[in-house]
N, C-alpha and C. Protein backbone atom coordinates (compact mmCIF):
# COMPACT_ATOMS: atom_id res chain seq x y z
N MET A 1 -24.82 -28.48 -41.49
CA MET A 1 -24.69 -28.69 -40.07
C MET A 1 -23.28 -28.34 -39.57
N ARG A 2 -22.29 -28.51 -40.40
CA ARG A 2 -20.92 -28.24 -39.98
C ARG A 2 -20.74 -26.76 -39.64
N LEU A 3 -21.37 -25.88 -40.38
CA LEU A 3 -21.28 -24.44 -40.12
C LEU A 3 -21.88 -24.11 -38.75
N VAL A 4 -22.99 -24.70 -38.42
CA VAL A 4 -23.64 -24.47 -37.12
C VAL A 4 -22.75 -24.97 -35.99
N ASP A 5 -22.14 -26.15 -36.19
CA ASP A 5 -21.24 -26.69 -35.17
C ASP A 5 -20.03 -25.77 -34.97
N ASN A 6 -19.48 -25.27 -36.05
CA ASN A 6 -18.33 -24.36 -35.95
C ASN A 6 -18.70 -23.07 -35.21
N LEU A 7 -19.88 -22.54 -35.50
CA LEU A 7 -20.33 -21.34 -34.80
C LEU A 7 -20.54 -21.61 -33.31
N ARG A 8 -21.12 -22.75 -32.99
CA ARG A 8 -21.36 -23.12 -31.60
C ARG A 8 -20.02 -23.27 -30.85
N LYS A 9 -19.03 -23.90 -31.48
CA LYS A 9 -17.72 -24.07 -30.86
C LYS A 9 -17.03 -22.72 -30.66
N ALA A 10 -17.14 -21.86 -31.64
CA ALA A 10 -16.53 -20.53 -31.53
C ALA A 10 -17.17 -19.75 -30.38
N GLU A 11 -18.48 -19.86 -30.24
CA GLU A 11 -19.18 -19.18 -29.15
C GLU A 11 -18.73 -19.73 -27.80
N GLU A 12 -18.59 -21.05 -27.70
CA GLU A 12 -18.15 -21.67 -26.46
C GLU A 12 -16.72 -21.23 -26.10
N LYS A 13 -15.87 -21.14 -27.12
CA LYS A 13 -14.50 -20.68 -26.87
C LYS A 13 -14.50 -19.24 -26.35
N GLY A 14 -15.32 -18.40 -26.92
CA GLY A 14 -15.41 -17.01 -26.47
C GLY A 14 -15.88 -16.92 -25.03
N VAL A 15 -16.88 -17.72 -24.71
CA VAL A 15 -17.40 -17.73 -23.35
C VAL A 15 -16.33 -18.20 -22.38
N MET A 16 -15.59 -19.24 -22.75
CA MET A 16 -14.53 -19.76 -21.88
C MET A 16 -13.41 -18.73 -21.69
N ARG A 17 -13.06 -18.00 -22.74
CA ARG A 17 -12.04 -16.96 -22.61
C ARG A 17 -12.50 -15.86 -21.66
N ILE A 18 -13.74 -15.48 -21.78
CA ILE A 18 -14.27 -14.44 -20.89
C ILE A 18 -14.26 -14.93 -19.45
N ARG A 19 -14.68 -16.17 -19.23
CA ARG A 19 -14.68 -16.73 -17.87
C ARG A 19 -13.28 -16.78 -17.29
N ARG A 20 -12.30 -17.21 -18.11
CA ARG A 20 -10.91 -17.26 -17.64
C ARG A 20 -10.40 -15.86 -17.31
N GLY A 21 -10.77 -14.88 -18.11
CA GLY A 21 -10.36 -13.50 -17.84
C GLY A 21 -10.96 -12.98 -16.54
N VAL A 22 -12.21 -13.28 -16.30
CA VAL A 22 -12.87 -12.85 -15.06
C VAL A 22 -12.22 -13.54 -13.87
N ASP A 23 -11.94 -14.83 -13.99
CA ASP A 23 -11.29 -15.56 -12.90
C ASP A 23 -9.90 -14.99 -12.61
N ARG A 24 -9.16 -14.68 -13.66
CA ARG A 24 -7.83 -14.10 -13.49
C ARG A 24 -7.93 -12.74 -12.81
N ALA A 25 -8.91 -11.93 -13.20
CA ALA A 25 -9.09 -10.61 -12.58
C ALA A 25 -9.44 -10.76 -11.10
N ARG A 26 -10.29 -11.74 -10.77
CA ARG A 26 -10.64 -11.97 -9.36
C ARG A 26 -9.42 -12.38 -8.55
N GLU A 27 -8.59 -13.26 -9.10
CA GLU A 27 -7.38 -13.70 -8.41
C GLU A 27 -6.42 -12.53 -8.19
N GLU A 28 -6.24 -11.71 -9.22
CA GLU A 28 -5.34 -10.56 -9.09
C GLU A 28 -5.88 -9.57 -8.06
N TRP A 29 -7.18 -9.33 -8.05
CA TRP A 29 -7.76 -8.42 -7.07
C TRP A 29 -7.59 -8.96 -5.66
N ALA A 30 -7.78 -10.27 -5.49
CA ALA A 30 -7.59 -10.88 -4.17
C ALA A 30 -6.15 -10.70 -3.72
N ASP A 31 -5.20 -10.82 -4.64
CA ASP A 31 -3.79 -10.65 -4.30
C ASP A 31 -3.52 -9.20 -3.90
N VAL A 32 -4.06 -8.26 -4.64
CA VAL A 32 -3.88 -6.84 -4.31
C VAL A 32 -4.49 -6.53 -2.95
N GLU A 33 -5.69 -7.04 -2.72
CA GLU A 33 -6.36 -6.79 -1.44
C GLU A 33 -5.56 -7.40 -0.29
N ARG A 34 -4.99 -8.58 -0.50
CA ARG A 34 -4.19 -9.22 0.54
C ARG A 34 -2.97 -8.38 0.86
N ARG A 35 -2.32 -7.84 -0.16
CA ARG A 35 -1.13 -7.01 0.06
C ARG A 35 -1.49 -5.72 0.80
N ILE A 36 -2.61 -5.10 0.45
CA ILE A 36 -3.04 -3.88 1.13
C ILE A 36 -3.31 -4.17 2.59
N ARG A 37 -4.04 -5.25 2.87
CA ARG A 37 -4.33 -5.62 4.26
C ARG A 37 -3.05 -5.91 5.03
N GLN A 38 -2.09 -6.56 4.37
CA GLN A 38 -0.84 -6.89 5.04
C GLN A 38 -0.08 -5.62 5.44
N ARG A 39 -0.10 -4.62 4.58
CA ARG A 39 0.58 -3.36 4.90
C ARG A 39 -0.15 -2.57 5.99
N MET A 40 -1.46 -2.77 6.09
CA MET A 40 -2.24 -2.03 7.08
C MET A 40 -2.21 -2.68 8.46
N ARG A 41 -1.72 -3.91 8.55
CA ARG A 41 -1.71 -4.61 9.84
C ARG A 41 -0.82 -3.91 10.84
N ILE A 42 -1.24 -4.02 12.10
CA ILE A 42 -0.45 -3.49 13.20
C ILE A 42 0.10 -4.70 13.94
N TYR A 43 1.41 -4.75 14.06
CA TYR A 43 2.05 -5.88 14.72
C TYR A 43 2.34 -5.51 16.18
N PRO A 44 1.71 -6.21 17.12
CA PRO A 44 1.86 -5.87 18.54
C PRO A 44 3.31 -5.95 19.03
N HIS A 45 4.11 -6.90 18.54
CA HIS A 45 5.48 -7.02 19.02
C HIS A 45 6.30 -5.78 18.66
N LYS A 46 5.98 -5.10 17.57
CA LYS A 46 6.70 -3.88 17.22
C LYS A 46 6.32 -2.76 18.18
N GLN A 47 5.06 -2.70 18.58
CA GLN A 47 4.62 -1.65 19.50
C GLN A 47 5.26 -1.88 20.88
N LYS A 48 5.33 -3.13 21.31
CA LYS A 48 5.93 -3.42 22.61
C LYS A 48 7.41 -3.05 22.61
N ALA A 49 8.11 -3.34 21.52
CA ALA A 49 9.53 -3.00 21.43
C ALA A 49 9.72 -1.49 21.48
N ALA A 50 8.85 -0.75 20.81
CA ALA A 50 8.95 0.71 20.82
C ALA A 50 8.66 1.25 22.21
N ALA A 51 7.68 0.66 22.90
CA ALA A 51 7.33 1.11 24.25
C ALA A 51 8.43 0.77 25.24
N ALA A 52 9.13 -0.34 25.01
CA ALA A 52 10.20 -0.75 25.92
C ALA A 52 11.45 0.10 25.74
N GLY A 53 11.52 0.83 24.65
CA GLY A 53 12.65 1.72 24.43
C GLY A 53 13.80 1.06 23.69
N VAL A 54 13.52 0.06 22.91
CA VAL A 54 14.56 -0.58 22.12
C VAL A 54 15.03 0.41 21.06
N GLY A 55 16.33 0.64 21.01
CA GLY A 55 16.86 1.59 20.03
C GLY A 55 16.52 3.01 20.40
N ARG A 56 16.47 3.32 21.68
CA ARG A 56 16.09 4.64 22.16
C ARG A 56 17.14 5.67 21.75
N ILE A 57 16.69 6.81 21.28
CA ILE A 57 17.58 7.91 20.89
C ILE A 57 17.17 9.13 21.70
N ASN A 58 18.14 9.76 22.31
CA ASN A 58 17.86 10.95 23.09
C ASN A 58 18.05 12.16 22.19
N LEU A 59 16.94 12.75 21.75
CA LEU A 59 17.00 13.88 20.82
C LEU A 59 17.24 15.20 21.52
N ASP A 60 16.99 15.26 22.83
CA ASP A 60 17.13 16.53 23.54
C ASP A 60 18.56 17.05 23.51
N GLN A 61 19.53 16.18 23.45
CA GLN A 61 20.92 16.61 23.46
C GLN A 61 21.34 17.22 22.13
N ASP A 62 20.82 16.72 21.04
CA ASP A 62 21.27 17.13 19.72
C ASP A 62 20.52 18.33 19.15
N VAL A 63 19.30 18.56 19.58
CA VAL A 63 18.45 19.59 18.98
C VAL A 63 18.36 20.78 19.92
N PRO A 64 18.80 21.96 19.48
CA PRO A 64 18.66 23.15 20.34
C PRO A 64 17.20 23.58 20.40
N GLU A 65 16.78 24.03 21.56
CA GLU A 65 15.40 24.47 21.72
C GLU A 65 15.27 25.91 21.25
N PRO A 66 14.21 26.23 20.50
CA PRO A 66 14.04 27.62 20.03
C PRO A 66 13.63 28.51 21.20
N SER A 67 14.00 29.78 21.09
CA SER A 67 13.60 30.72 22.13
C SER A 67 12.09 30.93 22.08
N SER A 68 11.53 31.31 23.21
CA SER A 68 10.08 31.42 23.31
C SER A 68 9.50 32.56 22.48
N ASP A 69 10.30 33.64 22.21
CA ASP A 69 9.78 34.75 21.43
C ASP A 69 9.82 34.49 19.92
N GLU A 70 10.51 33.43 19.50
CA GLU A 70 10.62 33.08 18.09
C GLU A 70 9.42 32.22 17.68
N PRO A 71 8.63 32.63 16.69
CA PRO A 71 7.49 31.78 16.29
C PRO A 71 7.99 30.52 15.57
N ARG A 72 7.27 29.45 15.77
CA ARG A 72 7.65 28.18 15.14
C ARG A 72 7.20 28.20 13.68
N LYS A 73 8.07 27.72 12.79
CA LYS A 73 7.75 27.67 11.37
C LYS A 73 7.33 26.26 11.00
N PRO A 74 6.33 26.13 10.17
CA PRO A 74 5.93 24.78 9.75
C PRO A 74 6.96 24.18 8.79
N ILE A 75 7.06 22.87 8.80
CA ILE A 75 7.93 22.18 7.86
C ILE A 75 7.10 21.86 6.63
N ILE A 76 7.56 22.28 5.48
CA ILE A 76 6.84 22.06 4.23
C ILE A 76 7.58 20.99 3.44
N SER A 77 6.88 19.90 3.11
CA SER A 77 7.48 18.81 2.35
C SER A 77 6.69 18.58 1.08
N ILE A 78 7.40 18.34 -0.01
CA ILE A 78 6.79 17.98 -1.27
C ILE A 78 7.43 16.69 -1.73
N ARG A 79 6.60 15.66 -1.86
CA ARG A 79 7.08 14.33 -2.25
C ARG A 79 8.21 13.84 -1.37
N GLY A 80 8.09 14.09 -0.07
CA GLY A 80 9.07 13.59 0.87
C GLY A 80 10.31 14.45 1.01
N GLN A 81 10.43 15.54 0.28
CA GLN A 81 11.59 16.43 0.34
C GLN A 81 11.21 17.70 1.08
N ASP A 82 11.96 18.03 2.14
CA ASP A 82 11.69 19.27 2.87
C ASP A 82 12.09 20.46 2.02
N MET A 83 11.22 21.47 1.99
CA MET A 83 11.46 22.67 1.19
C MET A 83 11.91 23.79 2.13
N ASN A 84 12.92 24.57 1.71
CA ASN A 84 13.36 25.73 2.48
C ASN A 84 12.51 26.92 2.09
N ARG A 85 12.16 27.73 3.08
CA ARG A 85 11.36 28.91 2.81
C ARG A 85 12.20 30.15 2.86
């Protein structure tokens, strides 16, 4: 009978380990999902500040306008770095 009891206990331990692993995976996924949702949120106070012109920069003074006969070239970026053509 002792052998049967030992096998039963070992099986129960295995089941408990699997359950704990599944619970841990669910908690980690919930945390990841929460972080993704947090980054995707749109905060209205930031939009209002942008619309009100907080930190307004006048770019027209610093950037020369291209002549009309010159075709516009696309900006090519790779991993956030602008590439010269």
